[in-house]
Protein backbone atom coordinates (compact mmCIF):
# COMPACT_ATOMS: atom_id res chain seq x y z
CA UNK A 1 149.79 56.10 -43.45
CA UNK A 2 146.64 57.91 -45.12
CA UNK A 3 145.69 55.13 -46.31
CA UNK A 4 145.53 52.06 -44.94
CA UNK A 5 142.31 49.97 -44.62
CA UNK A 6 143.17 47.68 -42.79
CA UNK A 7 144.07 50.49 -40.28
CA UNK A 8 141.07 51.20 -40.33
CA UNK A 9 137.82 49.28 -39.17
CA UNK A 10 135.13 51.44 -40.98
CA UNK A 11 136.72 50.54 -44.37
CA UNK A 12 135.36 46.51 -44.50
CA UNK A 13 131.92 47.72 -43.76
CA UNK A 14 131.73 50.38 -46.59
CA UNK A 15 132.95 47.35 -48.13
CA UNK A 16 130.21 45.31 -47.53
CA UNK A 17 127.62 48.35 -47.69
CA UNK A 18 128.41 49.11 -51.10
CA UNK A 19 127.97 45.53 -52.27
CA UNK A 20 124.34 46.13 -50.59
CA UNK A 21 123.41 48.93 -52.59
CA UNK A 22 125.10 48.16 -55.87
CA UNK A 23 122.34 45.54 -57.11
CA UNK A 24 119.54 48.14 -55.85
CA UNK A 25 117.40 50.80 -57.72
CA UNK A 26 115.62 53.62 -56.15
CA UNK A 27 112.25 55.65 -56.38
CA UNK A 28 113.58 58.90 -55.12
CA UNK A 29 116.51 60.85 -53.44
CA UNK A 30 113.80 59.28 -49.69
CA UNK A 31 113.77 55.92 -51.40
CA UNK A 32 117.73 55.73 -51.03
CA UNK A 33 118.47 57.82 -47.80
CA UNK A 34 116.04 54.67 -45.90
CA UNK A 35 117.66 52.08 -47.92
CA UNK A 36 121.02 53.31 -46.65
CA UNK A 37 119.93 53.56 -43.08
CA UNK A 38 119.03 50.73 -42.66
CA UNK A 39 121.44 48.80 -43.69
CA UNK A 40 124.54 50.57 -42.90
CA UNK A 41 122.90 50.01 -39.31
CA UNK A 42 122.27 46.19 -39.49
CA UNK A 43 126.15 46.14 -41.30
CA UNK A 44 126.78 47.82 -37.79
CA UNK A 45 125.61 45.85 -36.03
CA UNK A 46 127.22 42.31 -36.79
CA UNK A 47 129.53 41.02 -34.32
CA UNK A 48 131.89 40.26 -36.63
CA UNK A 49 131.99 43.38 -37.95
CA UNK A 50 134.28 44.56 -35.29
CA UNK A 51 135.67 41.73 -33.65
CA UNK A 52 137.28 40.38 -36.42
CA UNK A 53 139.37 43.11 -36.69
CA UNK A 54 140.35 43.06 -32.56
CA UNK A 55 141.50 39.50 -33.78
CA UNK A 56 143.24 40.64 -36.83
CA UNK A 57 145.35 43.27 -35.28
CA UNK A 58 145.41 43.17 -31.18
CA UNK A 59 148.58 41.11 -31.18
CA UNK A 60 150.38 44.29 -33.14
CA UNK A 61 148.67 46.75 -31.07
CA UNK A 62 149.37 45.47 -27.25
CA UNK A 63 153.48 44.46 -28.63
CA UNK A 64 153.29 48.06 -29.55
CA UNK A 65 152.09 48.87 -25.97
């Protein structure tokens, strides 16, 4: 399907990133970029980010093989 957030491992990261950014007010583009980069890196290094997705879909993927 064209849009399948449950099959796209990046979707939970985007959701968390939007949640972290939304309450912030940035003085300029540079502060926004810095916050965005730091937040993205911090969130993407979480082990649970990928492990939840793997635990959910690994059985289905194994069945397809």
